[in-house]
Amino acid sequence: MTGYIFALLAAVVLPIAAMIYSSRRIKTWRPVLLGAMTFIVFQVVLRIPLLQVILPRSTDYTLFQFTQPVLFMIFLSFSAGLFEEGGRYLMMRRFMKGAPLSHGIAFGIGHGGIEAILLVGINLIAAAVTNAVGIGPDTSGLFAAGGFERISAMVFHVCLSVMIWRSLTQQRPALLPLAILLHTLFNVLAGYLSILGVSVFRIEAALAFVVILLLIYTILTIRQNQPFDSSKD
């Protein structure tokens, strides 16, 4: 039960609290809502139906899925990076041109927050209502791992949002393909370790380590290029 509560806090309470806090800090909901909209449009509306409804109609696609699991996993990882980072870039370029760094961070919080709620939070709430997965001591550890995964994913989305913000604000176009590559590799790491049969706890530890490195890099680049002072926004 403890693991379930932690997962619920990580996938529902934390995202909502982070979105509210960041919006109040910068005195506008716009970047948070744009980040959330980016995930909904480019993942829920475009990518997921493409992968689950349109492409499976092709026999070659179905054959590829079952005969080449590693390559298929790489394809899925790349599509996630392409749609999400491409979507971030398009939305920021269209609606956040010249926005301060704090807005880029809030954008990432909105993106990662709505992902946590839609992909995990809703299922956790449904599980509590129906007890479909048997919430108890036997599943507590798995729930906890899912909670850690959501926290890592939110930080990951904030870091990549800052990277896309830098690509636009600092006129560094190479950061867009770098963000796509990092997103792809992050998902490939998770998928490949899963194929190898590595335990979910070790997978989440490996992903958290990668996120920590990316966070350190993000903080260093922020300090080098633009000191963050939200009071000036």
C-alpha atoms as a PDB file:
ATOM      1  CA  MET A   1       0.000   0.000   0.000  1.00  0.00           C
ATOM      2  CA  THR A   2       2.897   2.352   0.734  1.00  0.00           C
ATOM      3  CA  GLY A   3       4.222   1.896  -2.791  1.00  0.00           C
ATOM      4  CA  TYR A   4       0.826   2.656  -4.255  1.00  0.00           C
ATOM      5  CA  ILE A   5       0.504   5.863  -2.230  1.00  0.00           C
ATOM      6  CA  PHE A   6       3.975   6.944  -3.342  1.00  0.00           C
ATOM      7  CA  ALA A   7       3.107   6.241  -6.975  1.00  0.00           C
ATOM      8  CA  LEU A   8      -0.137   8.200  -6.638  1.00  0.00           C
ATOM      9  CA  LEU A   9       1.746  11.142  -5.158  1.00  0.00           C
ATOM     10  CA  ALA A  10       4.357  10.978  -7.937  1.00  0.00           C
ATOM     11  CA  ALA A  11       1.918  10.567 -10.821  1.00  0.00           C
ATOM     12  CA  VAL A  12      -0.958  12.798  -9.700  1.00  0.00           C
ATOM     13  CA  VAL A  13      -0.259  15.039  -6.723  1.00  0.00           C
ATOM     14  CA  LEU A  14       3.296  16.062  -7.662  1.00  0.00           C
ATOM     15  CA  PRO A  15       2.484  16.954 -11.308  1.00  0.00           C
ATOM     16  CA  ILE A  16      -0.540  19.024 -10.314  1.00  0.00           C
ATOM     17  CA  ALA A  17       1.371  20.768  -7.511  1.00  0.00           C
ATOM     18  CA  ALA A  18       4.344  21.459  -9.815  1.00  0.00           C
ATOM     19  CA  MET A  19       2.101  22.893 -12.530  1.00  0.00           C
ATOM     20  CA  ILE A  20       0.282  25.142 -10.059  1.00  0.00           C
ATOM     21  CA  TYR A  21       3.512  26.296  -8.405  1.00  0.00           C
ATOM     22  CA  SER A  22       5.326  27.066 -11.654  1.00  0.00           C
ATOM     23  CA  SER A  23       2.327  28.935 -13.060  1.00  0.00           C
ATOM     24  CA  ARG A  24       2.034  31.072  -9.949  1.00  0.00           C
ATOM     25  CA  ARG A  25       5.794  31.657  -9.920  1.00  0.00           C
ATOM     26  CA  ILE A  26       5.806  33.086 -13.445  1.00  0.00           C
ATOM     27  CA  LYS A  27       2.318  34.610 -13.068  1.00  0.00           C
ATOM     28  CA  THR A  28       0.841  32.865 -16.121  1.00  0.00           C
ATOM     29  CA  TRP A  29      -0.576  29.448 -17.020  1.00  0.00           C
ATOM     30  CA  ARG A  30       0.326  29.781 -20.697  1.00  0.00           C
ATOM     31  CA  PRO A  31       3.652  27.830 -20.801  1.00  0.00           C
ATOM     32  CA  VAL A  32       2.307  25.010 -18.617  1.00  0.00           C
ATOM     33  CA  LEU A  33      -0.800  24.647 -20.777  1.00  0.00           C
ATOM     34  CA  LEU A  34       1.285  24.776 -23.955  1.00  0.00           C
ATOM     35  CA  GLY A  35       3.495  21.988 -22.616  1.00  0.00           C
ATOM     36  CA  ALA A  36       0.488  19.872 -21.718  1.00  0.00           C
ATOM     37  CA  MET A  37      -1.114  20.576 -25.086  1.00  0.00           C
ATOM     38  CA  THR A  38       2.088  19.504 -26.841  1.00  0.00           C
ATOM     39  CA  PHE A  39       1.951  16.058 -25.260  1.00  0.00           C
ATOM     40  CA  ILE A  40      -1.764  15.656 -25.950  1.00  0.00           C
ATOM     41  CA  VAL A  41      -1.534  16.737 -29.592  1.00  0.00           C
ATOM     42  CA  PHE A  42       1.702  15.087 -30.658  1.00  0.00           C
ATOM     43  CA  GLN A  43       1.429  11.917 -28.580  1.00  0.00           C
ATOM     44  CA  VAL A  44      -2.218  11.205 -27.814  1.00  0.00           C
ATOM     45  CA  VAL A  45      -3.763  12.629 -30.985  1.00  0.00           C
ATOM     46  CA  LEU A  46      -1.022  11.952 -33.555  1.00  0.00           C
ATOM     47  CA  ARG A  47       1.631   9.380 -32.575  1.00  0.00           C
ATOM     48  CA  ILE A  48      -0.361   6.813 -30.606  1.00  0.00           C
ATOM     49  CA  PRO A  49      -3.170   6.433 -33.196  1.00  0.00           C
ATOM     50  CA  LEU A  50      -0.535   6.238 -35.937  1.00  0.00           C
ATOM     51  CA  LEU A  51       1.260   3.386 -34.178  1.00  0.00           C
ATOM     52  CA  GLN A  52      -1.764   1.539 -32.850  1.00  0.00           C
ATOM     53  CA  VAL A  53      -4.414   2.081 -35.524  1.00  0.00           C
ATOM     54  CA  ILE A  54      -2.993   3.194 -38.869  1.00  0.00           C
ATOM     55  CA  LEU A  55       0.354   1.375 -39.248  1.00  0.00           C
ATOM     56  CA  PRO A  56      -0.904  -2.032 -37.951  1.00  0.00           C
ATOM     57  CA  ARG A  57      -3.101  -2.201 -41.037  1.00  0.00           C
ATOM     58  CA  SER A  58       0.090  -2.909 -42.972  1.00  0.00           C
ATOM     59  CA  THR A  59       1.179  -6.560 -43.053  1.00  0.00           C
ATOM     60  CA  ASP A  60       4.825  -5.521 -43.368  1.00  0.00           C
ATOM     61  CA  TYR A  61       4.558  -3.389 -40.243  1.00  0.00           C
ATOM     62  CA  THR A  62       3.009  -6.230 -38.240  1.00  0.00           C
ATOM     63  CA  LEU A  63       5.666  -8.658 -39.499  1.00  0.00           C
ATOM     64  CA  PHE A  64       8.409  -6.181 -38.570  1.00  0.00           C
ATOM     65  CA  GLN A  65       6.936  -5.800 -35.091  1.00  0.00           C
ATOM     66  CA  PHE A  66       7.062  -9.512 -34.295  1.00  0.00           C
ATOM     67  CA  THR A  67      10.181 -10.601 -36.176  1.00  0.00           C
ATOM     68  CA  GLN A  68      12.501  -7.728 -35.284  1.00  0.00           C
ATOM     69  CA  PRO A  69      11.713  -6.805 -31.655  1.00  0.00           C
ATOM     70  CA  VAL A  70      14.931  -4.848 -31.056  1.00  0.00           C
ATOM     71  CA  LEU A  71      14.664  -2.821 -34.269  1.00  0.00           C
ATOM     72  CA  PHE A  72      10.972  -2.274 -33.608  1.00  0.00           C
ATOM     73  CA  MET A  73      11.786  -0.996 -30.127  1.00  0.00           C
ATOM     74  CA  ILE A  74      14.337   1.409 -31.639  1.00  0.00           C
ATOM     75  CA  PHE A  75      11.710   2.561 -34.139  1.00  0.00           C
ATOM     76  CA  LEU A  76       9.206   3.229 -31.352  1.00  0.00           C
ATOM     77  CA  SER A  77      11.851   5.096 -29.356  1.00  0.00           C
ATOM     78  CA  PHE A  78      12.800   7.260 -32.319  1.00  0.00           C
ATOM     79  CA  SER A  79       9.170   8.037 -33.109  1.00  0.00           C
ATOM     80  CA  ALA A  80       8.664   9.207 -29.505  1.00  0.00           C
ATOM     81  CA  GLY A  81      11.697  11.475 -29.722  1.00  0.00           C
ATOM     82  CA  LEU A  82      10.696  12.819 -33.119  1.00  0.00           C
ATOM     83  CA  PHE A  83       7.078  13.576 -32.252  1.00  0.00           C
ATOM     84  CA  GLU A  84       7.669  14.972 -28.750  1.00  0.00           C
ATOM     85  CA  GLU A  85      10.798  17.015 -29.433  1.00  0.00           C
ATOM     86  CA  GLY A  86       9.534  18.103 -32.833  1.00  0.00           C
ATOM     87  CA  GLY A  87       6.265  19.073 -31.178  1.00  0.00           C
ATOM     88  CA  ARG A  88       8.089  20.987 -28.460  1.00  0.00           C
ATOM     89  CA  TYR A  89      10.078  22.867 -31.067  1.00  0.00           C
ATOM     90  CA  LEU A  90       7.029  23.769 -33.167  1.00  0.00           C
ATOM     91  CA  MET A  91       4.954  24.904 -30.194  1.00  0.00           C
ATOM     92  CA  MET A  92       7.728  26.967 -28.660  1.00  0.00           C
ATOM     93  CA  ARG A  93       8.625  28.533 -31.993  1.00  0.00           C
ATOM     94  CA  ARG A  94       5.006  29.439 -32.674  1.00  0.00           C
ATOM     95  CA  PHE A  95       3.805  30.517 -29.237  1.00  0.00           C
ATOM     96  CA  MET A  96       6.863  31.188 -27.025  1.00  0.00           C
ATOM     97  CA  LYS A  97       9.274  33.141 -29.190  1.00  0.00           C
ATOM     98  CA  GLY A  98      11.423  35.308 -26.925  1.00  0.00           C
ATOM     99  CA  ALA A  99      10.038  33.732 -23.739  1.00  0.00           C
ATOM    100  CA  PRO A 100      12.320  33.675 -20.671  1.00  0.00           C
ATOM    101  CA  LEU A 101      13.931  30.529 -19.318  1.00  0.00           C
ATOM    102  CA  SER A 102      11.363  30.151 -16.548  1.00  0.00           C
ATOM    103  CA  HIS A 103       8.681  29.708 -19.218  1.00  0.00           C
ATOM    104  CA  GLY A 104      10.717  26.946 -20.854  1.00  0.00           C
ATOM    105  CA  ILE A 105      10.938  25.163 -17.503  1.00  0.00           C
ATOM    106  CA  ALA A 106       7.196  25.598 -16.933  1.00  0.00           C
ATOM    107  CA  PHE A 107       6.582  24.196 -20.424  1.00  0.00           C
ATOM    108  CA  GLY A 108       8.505  21.051 -19.471  1.00  0.00           C
ATOM    109  CA  ILE A 109       6.556  20.727 -16.226  1.00  0.00           C
ATOM    110  CA  GLY A 110       3.294  20.922 -18.143  1.00  0.00           C
ATOM    111  CA  HIS A 111       4.476  18.351 -20.683  1.00  0.00           C
ATOM    112  CA  GLY A 112       5.800  15.875 -18.133  1.00  0.00           C
ATOM    113  CA  GLY A 113       2.969  16.534 -15.717  1.00  0.00           C
ATOM    114  CA  ILE A 114       0.134  15.777 -18.089  1.00  0.00           C
ATOM    115  CA  GLU A 115       1.985  12.683 -19.326  1.00  0.00           C
ATOM    116  CA  ALA A 116       2.251  11.372 -15.760  1.00  0.00           C
ATOM    117  CA  ILE A 117      -1.430  11.995 -15.101  1.00  0.00           C
ATOM    118  CA  LEU A 118      -2.753  10.554 -18.364  1.00  0.00           C
ATOM    119  CA  LEU A 119      -0.464   7.527 -18.684  1.00  0.00           C
ATOM    120  CA  VAL A 120      -0.109   6.524 -15.039  1.00  0.00           C
ATOM    121  CA  GLY A 121      -2.210   8.627 -12.676  1.00  0.00           C
ATOM    122  CA  ILE A 122      -5.572   7.767 -14.191  1.00  0.00           C
ATOM    123  CA  ASN A 123      -4.717   4.050 -14.142  1.00  0.00           C
ATOM    124  CA  LEU A 124      -3.681   4.270 -10.495  1.00  0.00           C
ATOM    125  CA  ILE A 125      -6.967   5.886  -9.559  1.00  0.00           C
ATOM    126  CA  ALA A 126      -8.877   3.257 -11.555  1.00  0.00           C
ATOM    127  CA  ALA A 127      -6.882   0.505  -9.831  1.00  0.00           C
ATOM    128  CA  ALA A 128      -7.879   1.859  -6.434  1.00  0.00           C
ATOM    129  CA  VAL A 129     -11.537   1.964  -7.405  1.00  0.00           C
ATOM    130  CA  THR A 130     -11.669  -1.520  -8.936  1.00  0.00           C
ATOM    131  CA  ASN A 131      -8.665  -3.127  -7.181  1.00  0.00           C
ATOM    132  CA  ALA A 132      -8.041  -4.702 -10.570  1.00  0.00           C
ATOM    133  CA  VAL A 133      -4.321  -5.188  -9.947  1.00  0.00           C
ATOM    134  CA  GLY A 134      -4.622  -6.231  -6.339  1.00  0.00           C
ATOM    135  CA  ILE A 135      -3.137  -3.361  -4.371  1.00  0.00           C
ATOM    136  CA  GLY A 136      -1.181  -4.884  -1.518  1.00  0.00           C
ATOM    137  CA  PRO A 137       2.264  -5.857  -0.210  1.00  0.00           C
ATOM    138  CA  ASP A 138       3.048  -7.997  -3.264  1.00  0.00           C
ATOM    139  CA  THR A 139       2.613  -5.109  -5.687  1.00  0.00           C
ATOM    140  CA  SER A 140       3.851  -2.278  -3.486  1.00  0.00           C
ATOM    141  CA  GLY A 141       7.376  -2.400  -4.900  1.00  0.00           C
ATOM    142  CA  LEU A 142       6.157  -2.259  -8.493  1.00  0.00           C
ATOM    143  CA  PHE A 143       3.996   0.741  -7.715  1.00  0.00           C
ATOM    144  CA  ALA A 144       6.961   2.466  -6.063  1.00  0.00           C
ATOM    145  CA  ALA A 145       9.120   1.797  -9.132  1.00  0.00           C
ATOM    146  CA  GLY A 146       6.413   3.352 -11.285  1.00  0.00           C
ATOM    147  CA  GLY A 147       6.419   6.412  -9.049  1.00  0.00           C
ATOM    148  CA  PHE A 148      10.171   6.825  -9.383  1.00  0.00           C
ATOM    149  CA  GLU A 149       9.817   6.415 -13.139  1.00  0.00           C
ATOM    150  CA  ARG A 150       7.318   9.272 -13.307  1.00  0.00           C
ATOM    151  CA  ILE A 151       9.561  11.589 -11.284  1.00  0.00           C
ATOM    152  CA  SER A 152      12.515  10.790 -13.551  1.00  0.00           C
ATOM    153  CA  ALA A 153      10.364  11.317 -16.633  1.00  0.00           C
ATOM    154  CA  MET A 154       9.165  14.729 -15.441  1.00  0.00           C
ATOM    155  CA  VAL A 155      12.727  15.906 -14.802  1.00  0.00           C
ATOM    156  CA  PHE A 156      13.702  14.479 -18.184  1.00  0.00           C
ATOM    157  CA  HIS A 157      10.962  16.476 -19.928  1.00  0.00           C
ATOM    158  CA  VAL A 158      11.992  19.674 -18.159  1.00  0.00           C
ATOM    159  CA  CYS A 159      15.611  19.200 -19.248  1.00  0.00           C
ATOM    160  CA  LEU A 160      14.686  18.556 -22.873  1.00  0.00           C
ATOM    161  CA  SER A 161      12.277  21.499 -22.853  1.00  0.00           C
ATOM    162  CA  VAL A 162      15.130  23.733 -21.703  1.00  0.00           C
ATOM    163  CA  MET A 163      17.268  22.288 -24.503  1.00  0.00           C
ATOM    164  CA  ILE A 164      14.626  23.106 -27.114  1.00  0.00           C
ATOM    165  CA  TRP A 165      14.186  26.558 -25.541  1.00  0.00           C
ATOM    166  CA  ARG A 166      17.930  27.108 -25.907  1.00  0.00           C
ATOM    167  CA  SER A 167      17.848  25.968 -29.543  1.00  0.00           C
ATOM    168  CA  LEU A 168      15.366  28.745 -30.285  1.00  0.00           C
ATOM    169  CA  THR A 169      16.407  31.511 -27.895  1.00  0.00           C
ATOM    170  CA  GLN A 170      20.150  31.113 -28.372  1.00  0.00           C
ATOM    171  CA  GLN A 171      19.849  30.209 -32.063  1.00  0.00           C
ATOM    172  CA  ARG A 172      21.451  26.789 -31.709  1.00  0.00           C
ATOM    173  CA  PRO A 173      19.588  24.604 -34.225  1.00  0.00           C
ATOM    174  CA  ALA A 174      21.823  21.584 -33.508  1.00  0.00           C
ATOM    175  CA  LEU A 175      20.154  21.233 -30.107  1.00  0.00           C
ATOM    176  CA  LEU A 176      16.919  20.029 -31.735  1.00  0.00           C
ATOM    177  CA  PRO A 177      18.409  16.864 -33.269  1.00  0.00           C
ATOM    178  CA  LEU A 178      20.399  16.390 -30.057  1.00  0.00           C
ATOM    179  CA  ALA A 179      17.163  16.442 -28.047  1.00  0.00           C
ATOM    180  CA  ILE A 180      15.595  13.926 -30.447  1.00  0.00           C
ATOM    181  CA  LEU A 181      18.660  11.696 -30.134  1.00  0.00           C
ATOM    182  CA  LEU A 182      18.713  11.882 -26.331  1.00  0.00           C
ATOM    183  CA  HIS A 183      14.998  11.112 -26.140  1.00  0.00           C
ATOM    184  CA  THR A 184      15.481   8.155 -28.474  1.00  0.00           C
ATOM    185  CA  LEU A 185      18.457   6.770 -26.551  1.00  0.00           C
ATOM    186  CA  PHE A 186      16.640   7.174 -23.239  1.00  0.00           C
ATOM    187  CA  ASN A 187      13.732   5.082 -24.484  1.00  0.00           C
ATOM    188  CA  VAL A 188      16.056   2.580 -26.173  1.00  0.00           C
ATOM    189  CA  LEU A 189      17.881   2.061 -22.882  1.00  0.00           C
ATOM    190  CA  ALA A 190      14.635   1.325 -21.061  1.00  0.00           C
ATOM    191  CA  GLY A 191      13.337  -0.940 -23.819  1.00  0.00           C
ATOM    192  CA  TYR A 192      16.564  -2.885 -24.339  1.00  0.00           C
ATOM    193  CA  LEU A 193      17.085  -3.520 -20.637  1.00  0.00           C
ATOM    194  CA  SER A 194      13.509  -4.770 -20.487  1.00  0.00           C
ATOM    195  CA  ILE A 195      14.123  -7.144 -23.421  1.00  0.00           C
ATOM    196  CA  LEU A 196      17.202  -8.459 -21.603  1.00  0.00           C
ATOM    197  CA  GLY A 197      15.014  -9.272 -18.608  1.00  0.00           C
ATOM    198  CA  VAL A 198      16.600  -6.767 -16.242  1.00  0.00           C
ATOM    199  CA  SER A 199      14.424  -6.121 -13.191  1.00  0.00           C
ATOM    200  CA  VAL A 200      12.231  -3.042 -13.232  1.00  0.00           C
ATOM    201  CA  PHE A 201      14.050  -1.657 -10.192  1.00  0.00           C
ATOM    202  CA  ARG A 202      17.438  -1.787 -11.911  1.00  0.00           C
ATOM    203  CA  ILE A 203      15.962  -0.291 -15.053  1.00  0.00           C
ATOM    204  CA  GLU A 204      14.550   2.646 -13.111  1.00  0.00           C
ATOM    205  CA  ALA A 205      17.878   3.097 -11.294  1.00  0.00           C
ATOM    206  CA  ALA A 206      19.713   3.230 -14.631  1.00  0.00           C
ATOM    207  CA  LEU A 207      17.226   5.726 -16.065  1.00  0.00           C
ATOM    208  CA  ALA A 208      17.420   7.882 -12.937  1.00  0.00           C
ATOM    209  CA  PHE A 209      21.216   7.961 -13.271  1.00  0.00           C
ATOM    210  CA  VAL A 210      20.899   9.169 -16.876  1.00  0.00           C
ATOM    211  CA  VAL A 211      18.376  11.825 -15.842  1.00  0.00           C
ATOM    212  CA  ILE A 212      20.676  13.061 -13.072  1.00  0.00           C
ATOM    213  CA  LEU A 213      23.507  13.469 -15.582  1.00  0.00           C
ATOM    214  CA  LEU A 214      21.197  15.332 -17.963  1.00  0.00           C
ATOM    215  CA  LEU A 215      19.979  17.554 -15.119  1.00  0.00           C
ATOM    216  CA  ILE A 216      23.558  18.430 -14.159  1.00  0.00           C
ATOM    217  CA  TYR A 217      24.318  19.279 -17.784  1.00  0.00           C
ATOM    218  CA  THR A 218      21.177  21.409 -18.008  1.00  0.00           C
ATOM    219  CA  ILE A 219      21.998  23.350 -14.841  1.00  0.00           C
ATOM    220  CA  LEU A 220      25.569  23.971 -16.004  1.00  0.00           C
ATOM    221  CA  THR A 221      24.433  25.249 -19.409  1.00  0.00           C
ATOM    222  CA  ILE A 222      21.857  27.504 -17.765  1.00  0.00           C
ATOM    223  CA  ARG A 223      24.458  29.030 -15.461  1.00  0.00           C
ATOM    224  CA  GLN A 224      26.886  29.546 -18.318  1.00  0.00           C
ATOM    225  CA  ASN A 225      24.422  31.155 -20.700  1.00  0.00           C
ATOM    226  CA  GLN A 226      21.677  32.808 -18.662  1.00  0.00           C
ATOM    227  CA  PRO A 227      21.369  33.062 -14.884  1.00  0.00           C
ATOM    228  CA  PHE A 228      17.853  32.123 -13.805  1.00  0.00           C
ATOM    229  CA  ASP A 229      15.964  34.777 -11.882  1.00  0.00           C
ATOM    230  CA  SER A 230      12.205  34.275 -12.069  1.00  0.00           C
ATOM    231  CA  SER A 231      11.588  37.537 -10.230  1.00  0.00           C
ATOM    232  CA  LYS A 232      12.529  39.399 -13.417  1.00  0.00           C
ATOM    233  CA  ASP A 233      10.006  37.555 -15.570  1.00  0.00           C
END
